């Protein structure tokens, strides 16, 4: 039985398993780690903190991604079952019922 959790999860557009951790020591990320530096935390420590936070978020995103894929798989399976049931019902219609249905059209 499939359960749906996606209402509480953010929509992730790309597979987080393919994400590559940024180098937070680069100039591009200066503004981010500059807010974390002080007398006891230097630039490298701030960059490492940002990397650790990125890893934690990426792990959460991976769990959400896996859950979303499972929900999509379950929804597709449920849809296939529904289509198969409808097709089976359609095939069980007697020739007389088919003629009557055609006559109504």
PDB file of N, CA and C in Angstrom:
ATOM      1  N   UNK A   1       0.843  -1.180   0.000  1.00  0.00           N
ATOM      2  CA  UNK A   1       0.000   0.000   0.000  1.00  0.00           C
ATOM      3  C   UNK A   1       0.883   1.236   0.000  1.00  0.00           C
ATOM      4  N   UNK A   2       0.581   2.153  -0.856  1.00  0.00           N
ATOM      5  CA  UNK A   2       1.373   3.369  -0.974  1.00  0.00           C
ATOM      6  C   UNK A   2       0.802   4.463  -0.077  1.00  0.00           C
ATOM      7  N   UNK A   3       1.703   5.211   0.521  1.00  0.00           N
ATOM      8  CA  UNK A   3       1.297   6.349   1.328  1.00  0.00           C
ATOM      9  C   UNK A   3       1.815   7.618   0.672  1.00  0.00           C
ATOM     10  N   UNK A   4       1.126   8.723   0.918  1.00  0.00           N
ATOM     11  CA  UNK A   4       1.528   9.982   0.331  1.00  0.00           C
ATOM     12  C   UNK A   4       2.033  10.930   1.409  1.00  0.00           C
ATOM     13  N   UNK A   5       3.256  11.378   1.233  1.00  0.00           N
ATOM     14  CA  UNK A   5       3.858  12.329   2.151  1.00  0.00           C
ATOM     15  C   UNK A   5       4.200  13.635   1.442  1.00  0.00           C
ATOM     16  N   UNK A   6       4.042  13.698   0.136  1.00  0.00           N
ATOM     17  CA  UNK A   6       4.547  14.813  -0.647  1.00  0.00           C
ATOM     18  C   UNK A   6       3.908  16.147  -0.306  1.00  0.00           C
ATOM     19  N   UNK A   7       2.732  16.151   0.322  1.00  0.00           N
ATOM     20  CA  UNK A   7       2.108  17.417   0.671  1.00  0.00           C
ATOM     21  C   UNK A   7       2.947  18.184   1.681  1.00  0.00           C
ATOM     22  N   UNK A   8       3.740  17.474   2.452  1.00  0.00           N
ATOM     23  CA  UNK A   8       4.560  18.133   3.463  1.00  0.00           C
ATOM     24  C   UNK A   8       6.007  18.317   3.018  1.00  0.00           C
ATOM     25  N   UNK A   9       6.334  17.853   1.837  1.00  0.00           N
ATOM     26  CA  UNK A   9       7.706  17.941   1.357  1.00  0.00           C
ATOM     27  C   UNK A   9       7.842  18.990   0.267  1.00  0.00           C
ATOM     28  N   UNK A  10       8.984  19.671   0.234  1.00  0.00           N
ATOM     29  CA  UNK A  10       9.208  20.617  -0.857  1.00  0.00           C
ATOM     30  C   UNK A  10       9.408  19.868  -2.171  1.00  0.00           C
ATOM     31  N   UNK A  11       8.998  20.472  -3.263  1.00  0.00           N
ATOM     32  CA  UNK A  11       9.186  19.864  -4.572  1.00  0.00           C
ATOM     33  C   UNK A  11      10.638  20.061  -4.998  1.00  0.00           C
ATOM     34  N   UNK A  12      11.307  18.979  -5.277  1.00  0.00           N
ATOM     35  CA  UNK A  12      12.711  19.017  -5.698  1.00  0.00           C
ATOM     36  C   UNK A  12      12.741  18.754  -7.199  1.00  0.00           C
ATOM     37  N   UNK A  13      13.313  19.677  -7.948  1.00  0.00           N
ATOM     38  CA  UNK A  13      13.286  19.593  -9.404  1.00  0.00           C
ATOM     39  C   UNK A  13      14.357  18.661  -9.971  1.00  0.00           C
ATOM     40  N   UNK A  14      15.479  18.536  -9.285  1.00  0.00           N
ATOM     41  CA  UNK A  14      16.573  17.727  -9.813  1.00  0.00           C
ATOM     42  C   UNK A  14      16.986  16.676  -8.789  1.00  0.00           C
ATOM     43  N   UNK A  15      17.483  15.569  -9.278  1.00  0.00           N
ATOM     44  CA  UNK A  15      17.917  14.468  -8.430  1.00  0.00           C
ATOM     45  C   UNK A  15      19.072  14.917  -7.534  1.00  0.00           C
ATOM     46  N   UNK A  16      18.851  14.997  -6.221  1.00  0.00           N
ATOM     47  CA  UNK A  16      19.918  15.444  -5.319  1.00  0.00           C
ATOM     48  C   UNK A  16      21.063  14.432  -5.193  1.00  0.00           C
ATOM     49  N   UNK A  17      20.847  13.212  -5.662  1.00  0.00           N
ATOM     50  CA  UNK A  17      21.924  12.226  -5.661  1.00  0.00           C
ATOM     51  C   UNK A  17      23.024  12.606  -6.637  1.00  0.00           C
ATOM     52  N   UNK A  18      22.688  13.468  -7.594  1.00  0.00           N
ATOM     53  CA  UNK A  18      23.660  13.896  -8.598  1.00  0.00           C
ATOM     54  C   UNK A  18      24.328  15.225  -8.226  1.00  0.00           C
ATOM     55  N   UNK A  19      23.878  15.841  -7.147  1.00  0.00           N
ATOM     56  CA  UNK A  19      24.412  17.142  -6.736  1.00  0.00           C
ATOM     57  C   UNK A  19      25.849  17.006  -6.250  1.00  0.00           C
ATOM     58  N   UNK A  20      26.631  18.005  -6.555  1.00  0.00           N
ATOM     59  CA  UNK A  20      28.028  18.044  -6.133  1.00  0.00           C
ATOM     60  C   UNK A  20      28.175  19.178  -5.132  1.00  0.00           C
ATOM     61  N   UNK A  21      28.784  18.872  -4.017  1.00  0.00           N
ATOM     62  CA  UNK A  21      28.938  19.872  -2.968  1.00  0.00           C
ATOM     63  C   UNK A  21      29.791  21.037  -3.478  1.00  0.00           C
ATOM     64  N   UNK A  22      29.323  22.245  -3.259  1.00  0.00           N
ATOM     65  CA  UNK A  22      30.124  23.403  -3.690  1.00  0.00           C
ATOM     66  C   UNK A  22      31.381  23.557  -2.834  1.00  0.00           C
ATOM     67  N   UNK A  23      32.352  24.237  -3.383  1.00  0.00           N
ATOM     68  CA  UNK A  23      33.541  24.588  -2.615  1.00  0.00           C
ATOM     69  C   UNK A  23      33.247  25.923  -1.946  1.00  0.00           C
ATOM     70  N   UNK A  24      32.911  25.879  -0.677  1.00  0.00           N
ATOM     71  CA  UNK A  24      32.505  27.079   0.039  1.00  0.00           C
ATOM     72  C   UNK A  24      33.679  27.999   0.370  1.00  0.00           C
ATOM     73  N   UNK A  25      34.897  27.592  -0.018  1.00  0.00           N
ATOM     74  CA  UNK A  25      36.060  28.447   0.211  1.00  0.00           C
ATOM     75  C   UNK A  25      36.298  29.414  -0.951  1.00  0.00           C
ATOM     76  N   UNK A  26      35.543  29.280  -2.021  1.00  0.00           N
ATOM     77  CA  UNK A  26      35.752  30.129  -3.188  1.00  0.00           C
ATOM     78  C   UNK A  26      35.146  31.520  -2.982  1.00  0.00           C
ATOM     79  N   UNK A  27      35.585  32.437  -3.818  1.00  0.00           N
ATOM     80  CA  UNK A  27      35.116  33.824  -3.748  1.00  0.00           C
ATOM     81  C   UNK A  27      33.601  33.914  -3.927  1.00  0.00           C
ATOM     82  N   UNK A  28      33.059  33.023  -4.707  1.00  0.00           N
ATOM     83  CA  UNK A  28      31.607  32.996  -4.952  1.00  0.00           C
ATOM     84  C   UNK A  28      30.804  32.897  -3.652  1.00  0.00           C
ATOM     85  N   UNK A  29      31.369  32.243  -2.659  1.00  0.00           N
ATOM     86  CA  UNK A  29      30.665  32.014  -1.395  1.00  0.00           C
ATOM     87  C   UNK A  29      31.171  32.893  -0.249  1.00  0.00           C
ATOM     88  N   UNK A  30      31.977  33.878  -0.569  1.00  0.00           N
ATOM     89  CA  UNK A  30      32.535  34.756   0.460  1.00  0.00           C
ATOM     90  C   UNK A  30      31.456  35.369   1.333  1.00  0.00           C
ATOM     91  N   UNK A  31      30.406  35.868   0.739  1.00  0.00           N
ATOM     92  CA  UNK A  31      29.347  36.523   1.507  1.00  0.00           C
ATOM     93  C   UNK A  31      28.717  35.561   2.502  1.00  0.00           C
ATOM     94  N   UNK A  32      28.597  34.293   2.139  1.00  0.00           N
ATOM     95  CA  UNK A  32      27.979  33.313   3.030  1.00  0.00           C
ATOM     96  C   UNK A  32      28.855  33.044   4.247  1.00  0.00           C
ATOM     97  N   UNK A  33      30.127  32.735   4.018  1.00  0.00           N
ATOM     98  CA  UNK A  33      30.948  32.403   5.179  1.00  0.00           C
ATOM     99  C   UNK A  33      31.410  33.626   5.939  1.00  0.00           C
ATOM    100  N   UNK A  34      31.382  34.789   5.326  1.00  0.00           N
ATOM    101  CA  UNK A  34      31.778  36.011   6.030  1.00  0.00           C
ATOM    102  C   UNK A  34      30.843  36.290   7.209  1.00  0.00           C
ATOM    103  N   UNK A  35      29.584  35.905   7.074  1.00  0.00           N
ATOM    104  CA  UNK A  35      28.626  36.109   8.163  1.00  0.00           C
ATOM    105  C   UNK A  35      28.902  35.190   9.357  1.00  0.00           C
ATOM    106  N   UNK A  36      29.648  34.136   9.129  1.00  0.00           N
ATOM    107  CA  UNK A  36      29.898  33.161  10.194  1.00  0.00           C
ATOM    108  C   UNK A  36      31.240  33.360  10.897  1.00  0.00           C
ATOM    109  N   UNK A  37      32.108  34.138  10.290  1.00  0.00           N
ATOM    110  CA  UNK A  37      33.430  34.316  10.888  1.00  0.00           C
ATOM    111  C   UNK A  37      33.383  35.304  12.047  1.00  0.00           C
ATOM    112  N   UNK A  38      34.243  35.034  13.015  1.00  0.00           N
ATOM    113  CA  UNK A  38      34.391  35.938  14.162  1.00  0.00           C
ATOM    114  C   UNK A  38      35.750  35.654  14.793  1.00  0.00           C
ATOM    115  N   UNK A  39      35.929  36.039  16.050  1.00  0.00           N
ATOM    116  CA  UNK A  39      37.221  35.851  16.711  1.00  0.00           C
ATOM    117  C   UNK A  39      37.577  34.378  16.918  1.00  0.00           C
ATOM    118  N   UNK A  40      36.575  33.517  16.973  1.00  0.00           N
ATOM    119  CA  UNK A  40      36.853  32.097  17.228  1.00  0.00           C
ATOM    120  C   UNK A  40      36.624  31.205  16.005  1.00  0.00           C
ATOM    121  N   UNK A  41      35.953  31.706  14.984  1.00  0.00           N
ATOM    122  CA  UNK A  41      35.700  30.919  13.764  1.00  0.00           C
ATOM    123  C   UNK A  41      36.373  31.619  12.590  1.00  0.00           C
ATOM    124  N   UNK A  42      37.380  30.943  12.006  1.00  0.00           N
ATOM    125  CA  UNK A  42      38.068  31.543  10.862  1.00  0.00           C
ATOM    126  C   UNK A  42      37.355  31.184   9.554  1.00  0.00           C
ATOM    127  N   UNK A  43      37.870  31.680   8.441  1.00  0.00           N
ATOM    128  CA  UNK A  43      37.238  31.480   7.127  1.00  0.00           C
ATOM    129  C   UNK A  43      37.088  30.003   6.778  1.00  0.00           C
ATOM    130  N   UNK A  44      38.145  29.222   7.037  1.00  0.00           N
ATOM    131  CA  UNK A  44      38.085  27.788   6.713  1.00  0.00           C
ATOM    132  C   UNK A  44      37.043  27.062   7.556  1.00  0.00           C
ATOM    133  N   UNK A  45      36.961  27.399   8.820  1.00  0.00           N
ATOM    134  CA  UNK A  45      35.956  26.771   9.685  1.00  0.00           C
ATOM    135  C   UNK A  45      34.539  27.157   9.239  1.00  0.00           C
ATOM    136  N   UNK A  46      34.369  28.396   8.854  1.00  0.00           N
ATOM    137  CA  UNK A  46      33.056  28.845   8.373  1.00  0.00           C
ATOM    138  C   UNK A  46      32.685  28.111   7.089  1.00  0.00           C
ATOM    139  N   UNK A  47      33.658  27.958   6.200  1.00  0.00           N
ATOM    140  CA  UNK A  47      33.400  27.232   4.957  1.00  0.00           C
ATOM    141  C   UNK A  47      33.062  25.771   5.247  1.00  0.00           C
ATOM    142  N   UNK A  48      33.754  25.174   6.206  1.00  0.00           N
ATOM    143  CA  UNK A  48      33.457  23.792   6.577  1.00  0.00           C
ATOM    144  C   UNK A  48      32.065  23.669   7.196  1.00  0.00           C
ATOM    145  N   UNK A  49      31.678  24.626   7.999  1.00  0.00           N
ATOM    146  CA  UNK A  49      30.335  24.639   8.565  1.00  0.00           C
ATOM    147  C   UNK A  49      29.281  24.697   7.462  1.00  0.00           C
ATOM    148  N   UNK A  50      29.496  25.560   6.477  1.00  0.00           N
ATOM    149  CA  UNK A  50      28.556  25.636   5.347  1.00  0.00           C
ATOM    150  C   UNK A  50      28.504  24.311   4.590  1.00  0.00           C
ATOM    151  N   UNK A  51      29.646  23.675   4.420  1.00  0.00           N
ATOM    152  CA  UNK A  51      29.679  22.378   3.731  1.00  0.00           C
ATOM    153  C   UNK A  51      28.891  21.336   4.524  1.00  0.00           C
ATOM    154  N   UNK A  52      29.063  21.329   5.840  1.00  0.00           N
ATOM    155  CA  UNK A  52      28.316  20.376   6.677  1.00  0.00           C
ATOM    156  C   UNK A  52      26.815  20.633   6.594  1.00  0.00           C
ATOM    157  N   UNK A  53      26.421  21.894   6.601  1.00  0.00           N
ATOM    158  CA  UNK A  53      24.996  22.220   6.468  1.00  0.00           C
ATOM    159  C   UNK A  53      24.465  21.787   5.100  1.00  0.00           C
ATOM    160  N   UNK A  54      25.270  21.969   4.070  1.00  0.00           N
ATOM    161  CA  UNK A  54      24.872  21.541   2.726  1.00  0.00           C
ATOM    162  C   UNK A  54      24.667  20.027   2.706  1.00  0.00           C
ATOM    163  N   UNK A  55      25.580  19.280   3.324  1.00  0.00           N
ATOM    164  CA  UNK A  55      25.482  17.817   3.360  1.00  0.00           C
ATOM    165  C   UNK A  55      24.210  17.380   4.082  1.00  0.00           C
ATOM    166  N   UNK A  56      23.914  18.011   5.206  1.00  0.00           N
ATOM    167  CA  UNK A  56      22.700  17.665   5.956  1.00  0.00           C
ATOM    168  C   UNK A  56      21.461  17.908   5.100  1.00  0.00           C
ATOM    169  N   UNK A  57      21.422  19.050   4.412  1.00  0.00           N
ATOM    170  CA  UNK A  57      20.270  19.359   3.561  1.00  0.00           C
ATOM    171  C   UNK A  57      20.189  18.401   2.381  1.00  0.00           C
ATOM    172  N   UNK A  58      21.328  18.066   1.799  1.00  0.00           N
ATOM    173  CA  UNK A  58      21.339  17.150   0.662  1.00  0.00           C
ATOM    174  C   UNK A  58      20.839  15.764   1.065  1.00  0.00           C
ATOM    175  N   UNK A  59      21.205  15.321   2.257  1.00  0.00           N
ATOM    176  CA  UNK A  59      20.722  14.021   2.736  1.00  0.00           C
ATOM    177  C   UNK A  59      19.197  14.039   2.898  1.00  0.00           C
ATOM    178  N   UNK A  60      18.668  15.138   3.433  1.00  0.00           N
ATOM    179  CA  UNK A  60      17.208  15.267   3.559  1.00  0.00           C
ATOM    180  C   UNK A  60      16.559  15.293   2.178  1.00  0.00           C
ATOM    181  N   UNK A  61      17.166  16.024   1.246  1.00  0.00           N
ATOM    182  CA  UNK A  61      16.634  16.088  -0.118  1.00  0.00           C
ATOM    183  C   UNK A  61      16.642  14.713  -0.782  1.00  0.00           C
ATOM    184  N   UNK A  62      17.674  13.934  -0.518  1.00  0.00           N
ATOM    185  CA  UNK A  62      17.741  12.579  -1.083  1.00  0.00           C
ATOM    186  C   UNK A  62      16.610  11.705  -0.549  1.00  0.00           C
ATOM    187  N   UNK A  63      16.329  11.820   0.748  1.00  0.00           N
ATOM    188  CA  UNK A  63      15.216  11.040   1.325  1.00  0.00           C
ATOM    189  C   UNK A  63      13.895  11.476   0.697  1.00  0.00           C
ATOM    190  N   UNK A  64      13.697  12.778   0.555  1.00  0.00           N
ATOM    191  CA  UNK A  64      12.465  13.281  -0.065  1.00  0.00           C
ATOM    192  C   UNK A  64      12.360  12.829  -1.516  1.00  0.00           C
ATOM    193  N   UNK A  65      13.464  12.852  -2.217  1.00  0.00           N
ATOM    194  CA  UNK A  65      13.490  12.432  -3.620  1.00  0.00           C
ATOM    195  C   UNK A  65      13.072  10.960  -3.739  1.00  0.00           C
ATOM    196  N   UNK A  66      13.636  10.124  -2.885  1.00  0.00           N
ATOM    197  CA  UNK A  66      13.313   8.695  -2.904  1.00  0.00           C
ATOM    198  C   UNK A  66      11.834   8.478  -2.603  1.00  0.00           C
ATOM    199  N   UNK A  67      11.314   9.209  -1.627  1.00  0.00           N
ATOM    200  CA  UNK A  67       9.894   9.102  -1.278  1.00  0.00           C
ATOM    201  C   UNK A  67       9.028   9.540  -2.446  1.00  0.00           C
ATOM    202  N   UNK A  68       9.397  10.631  -3.089  1.00  0.00           N
ATOM    203  CA  UNK A  68       8.629  11.128  -4.232  1.00  0.00           C
ATOM    204  C   UNK A  68       8.624  10.111  -5.378  1.00  0.00           C
ATOM    205  N   UNK A  69       9.766   9.525  -5.663  1.00  0.00           N
ATOM    206  CA  UNK A  69       9.824   8.512  -6.727  1.00  0.00           C
ATOM    207  C   UNK A  69       8.931   7.324  -6.397  1.00  0.00           C
ATOM    208  N   UNK A  70       8.927   6.921  -5.124  1.00  0.00           N
ATOM    209  CA  UNK A  70       8.076   5.806  -4.702  1.00  0.00           C
ATOM    210  C   UNK A  70       6.599   6.174  -4.849  1.00  0.00           C
ATOM    211  N   UNK A  71       6.243   7.391  -4.471  1.00  0.00           N
ATOM    212  CA  UNK A  71       4.854   7.836  -4.620  1.00  0.00           C
ATOM    213  C   UNK A  71       4.448   7.871  -6.099  1.00  0.00           C
ATOM    214  N   UNK A  72       5.340   8.347  -6.950  1.00  0.00           N
ATOM    215  CA  UNK A  72       5.042   8.382  -8.389  1.00  0.00           C
ATOM    216  C   UNK A  72       4.888   6.974  -8.943  1.00  0.00           C
ATOM    217  N   UNK A  73       5.736   6.052  -8.463  1.00  0.00           N
ATOM    218  CA  UNK A  73       5.642   4.654  -8.906  1.00  0.00           C
ATOM    219  C   UNK A  73       4.306   4.061  -8.469  1.00  0.00           C
ATOM    220  N   UNK A  74       3.921   4.334  -7.226  1.00  0.00           N
ATOM    221  CA  UNK A  74       2.653   3.823  -6.704  1.00  0.00           C
ATOM    222  C   UNK A  74       1.469   4.403  -7.473  1.00  0.00           C
ATOM    223  N   UNK A  75       1.518   5.692  -7.762  1.00  0.00           N
ATOM    224  CA  UNK A  75       0.429   6.333  -8.503  1.00  0.00           C
ATOM    225  C   UNK A  75       0.315   5.745  -9.909  1.00  0.00           C
ATOM    226  N   UNK A  76       1.455   5.512 -10.548  1.00  0.00           N
ATOM    227  CA  UNK A  76       1.440   4.921 -11.889  1.00  0.00           C
ATOM    228  C   UNK A  76       0.876   3.505 -11.834  1.00  0.00           C
ATOM    229  N   UNK A  77       1.248   2.747 -10.820  1.00  0.00           N
ATOM    230  CA  UNK A  77       0.737   1.384 -10.676  1.00  0.00           C
ATOM    231  C   UNK A  77      -0.768   1.403 -10.432  1.00  0.00           C
ATOM    232  N   UNK A  78      -1.229   2.305  -9.586  1.00  0.00           N
ATOM    233  CA  UNK A  78      -2.666   2.414  -9.322  1.00  0.00           C
ATOM    234  C   UNK A  78      -3.415   2.784 -10.601  1.00  0.00           C
ATOM    235  N   UNK A  79      -2.838   3.665 -11.389  1.00  0.00           N
ATOM    236  CA  UNK A  79      -3.459   4.054 -12.658  1.00  0.00           C
ATOM    237  C   UNK A  79      -3.501   2.870 -13.628  1.00  0.00           C
ATOM    238  N   UNK A  80      -2.420   2.093 -13.684  1.00  0.00           N
ATOM    239  CA  UNK A  80      -2.405   0.899 -14.559  1.00  0.00           C
ATOM    240  C   UNK A  80      -3.477  -0.094 -14.136  1.00  0.00           C
ATOM    241  N   UNK A  81      -3.641  -0.285 -12.808  1.00  0.00           N
ATOM    242  CA  UNK A  81      -4.678  -1.199 -12.322  1.00  0.00           C
ATOM    243  C   UNK A  81      -6.060  -0.692 -12.703  1.00  0.00           C
ATOM    244  N   UNK A  82      -6.289   0.607 -12.551  1.00  0.00           N
ATOM    245  CA  UNK A  82      -7.582   1.187 -12.887  1.00  0.00           C
ATOM    246  C   UNK A  82      -7.897   1.009 -14.370  1.00  0.00           C
ATOM    247  N   UNK A  83      -6.924   1.271 -15.206  1.00  0.00           N
ATOM    248  CA  UNK A  83      -7.112   1.100 -16.652  1.00  0.00           C
ATOM    249  C   UNK A  83      -7.391  -0.365 -16.973  1.00  0.00           C
ATOM    250  N   UNK A  84      -6.667  -1.271 -16.335  1.00  0.00           N
ATOM    251  CA  UNK A  84      -6.877  -2.699 -16.578  1.00  0.00           C
ATOM    252  C   UNK A  84      -8.267  -3.133 -16.127  1.00  0.00           C
ATOM    253  N   UNK A  85      -8.713  -2.614 -14.985  1.00  0.00           N
ATOM    254  CA  UNK A  85     -10.064  -2.943 -14.506  1.00  0.00           C
ATOM    255  C   UNK A  85     -11.128  -2.419 -15.451  1.00  0.00           C
ATOM    256  N   UNK A  86     -10.948  -1.196 -15.925  1.00  0.00           N
ATOM    257  CA  UNK A  86     -11.911  -0.625 -16.872  1.00  0.00           C
ATOM    258  C   UNK A  86     -11.936  -1.424 -18.179  1.00  0.00           C
ATOM    259  N   UNK A  87     -10.780  -1.831 -18.626  1.00  0.00           N
ATOM    260  CA  UNK A  87     -10.709  -2.636 -19.851  1.00  0.00           C
ATOM    261  C   UNK A  87     -11.389  -3.982 -19.638  1.00  0.00           C
ATOM    262  N   UNK A  88     -11.176  -4.580 -18.466  1.00  0.00           N
ATOM    263  CA  UNK A  88     -11.823  -5.860 -18.167  1.00  0.00           C
ATOM    264  C   UNK A  88     -13.343  -5.692 -18.120  1.00  0.00           C
ATOM    265  N   UNK A  89     -13.828  -4.609 -17.533  1.00  0.00           N
ATOM    266  CA  UNK A  89     -15.271  -4.345 -17.499  1.00  0.00           C
ATOM    267  C   UNK A  89     -15.806  -4.166 -18.911  1.00  0.00           C
ATOM    268  N   UNK A  90     -15.058  -3.425 -19.723  1.00  0.00           N
ATOM    269  CA  UNK A  90     -15.496  -3.185 -21.099  1.00  0.00           C
ATOM    270  C   UNK A  90     -15.608  -4.491 -21.867  1.00  0.00           C
ATOM    271  N   UNK A  91     -14.675  -5.384 -21.633  1.00  0.00           N
ATOM    272  CA  UNK A  91     -14.684  -6.666 -22.347  1.00  0.00           C
ATOM    273  C   UNK A  91     -15.806  -7.577 -21.875  1.00  0.00           C
ATOM    274  N   UNK A  92     -16.311  -7.357 -20.663  1.00  0.00           N
ATOM    275  CA  UNK A  92     -17.376  -8.199 -20.135  1.00  0.00           C
ATOM    276  C   UNK A  92     -18.760  -7.778 -20.629  1.00  0.00           C
ATOM    277  N   UNK A  93     -18.844  -6.680 -21.326  1.00  0.00           N
ATOM    278  CA  UNK A  93     -20.137  -6.231 -21.845  1.00  0.00           C
ATOM    279  C   UNK A  93     -20.610  -7.239 -22.898  1.00  0.00           C
ATOM    280  N   UNK A  94     -21.844  -7.636 -22.790  1.00  0.00           N
ATOM    281  CA  UNK A  94     -22.399  -8.612 -23.740  1.00  0.00           C
ATOM    282  C   UNK A  94     -22.586  -7.954 -25.105  1.00  0.00           C
ATOM    283  N   UNK A  95     -22.644  -8.755 -26.137  1.00  0.00           N
ATOM    284  CA  UNK A  95     -22.885  -8.191 -27.474  1.00  0.00           C
ATOM    285  C   UNK A  95     -24.181  -7.373 -27.528  1.00  0.00           C
ATOM    286  N   UNK A  96     -25.203  -7.815 -26.808  1.00  0.00           N
ATOM    287  CA  UNK A  96     -26.461  -7.066 -26.790  1.00  0.00           C
ATOM    288  C   UNK A  96     -26.271  -5.682 -26.179  1.00  0.00           C
ATOM    289  N   UNK A  97     -25.489  -5.646 -25.087  1.00  0.00           N
ATOM    290  CA  UNK A  97     -25.216  -4.365 -24.432  1.00  0.00           C
ATOM    291  C   UNK A  97     -24.397  -3.460 -25.345  1.00  0.00           C
ATOM    292  N   UNK A  98     -23.471  -4.059 -26.073  1.00  0.00           N
ATOM    293  CA  UNK A  98     -22.679  -3.267 -27.011  1.00  0.00           C
ATOM    294  C   UNK A  98     -23.576  -2.672 -28.091  1.00  0.00           C
ATOM    295  N   UNK A  99     -24.481  -3.476 -28.616  1.00  0.00           N
ATOM    296  CA  UNK A  99     -25.402  -2.978 -29.652  1.00  0.00           C
ATOM    297  C   UNK A  99     -26.282  -1.870 -29.098  1.00  0.00           C
ATOM    298  N   UNK A 100     -26.788  -2.045 -27.898  1.00  0.00           N
ATOM    299  CA  UNK A 100     -27.627  -1.025 -27.274  1.00  0.00           C
ATOM    300  C   UNK A 100     -26.837   0.261 -27.047  1.00  0.00           C
ATOM    301  N   UNK A 101     -25.589   0.138 -26.618  1.00  0.00           N
ATOM    302  CA  UNK A 101     -24.758   1.321 -26.391  1.00  0.00           C
ATOM    303  C   UNK A 101     -24.495   2.041 -27.700  1.00  0.00           C
ATOM    304  N   UNK A 102     -24.233   1.291 -28.751  1.00  0.00           N
ATOM    305  CA  UNK A 102     -24.008   1.895 -30.063  1.00  0.00           C
ATOM    306  C   UNK A 102     -25.265   2.558 -30.577  1.00  0.00           C
ATOM    307  N   UNK A 103     -26.409   1.950 -30.333  1.00  0.00           N
ATOM    308  CA  UNK A 103     -27.682   2.524 -30.779  1.00  0.00           C
ATOM    309  C   UNK A 103     -27.968   3.839 -30.077  1.00  0.00           C
ATOM    310  N   UNK A 104     -27.542   3.972 -28.820  1.00  0.00           N
ATOM    311  CA  UNK A 104     -27.769   5.199 -28.072  1.00  0.00           C
ATOM    312  C   UNK A 104     -26.917   6.336 -28.590  1.00  0.00           C
ATOM    313  N   UNK A 105     -25.771   6.005 -29.159  1.00  0.00           N
ATOM    314  CA  UNK A 105     -24.874   7.041 -29.673  1.00  0.00           C
ATOM    315  C   UNK A 105     -25.426   7.543 -30.952  1.00  0.00           C
TER     316      UNK A 105
END
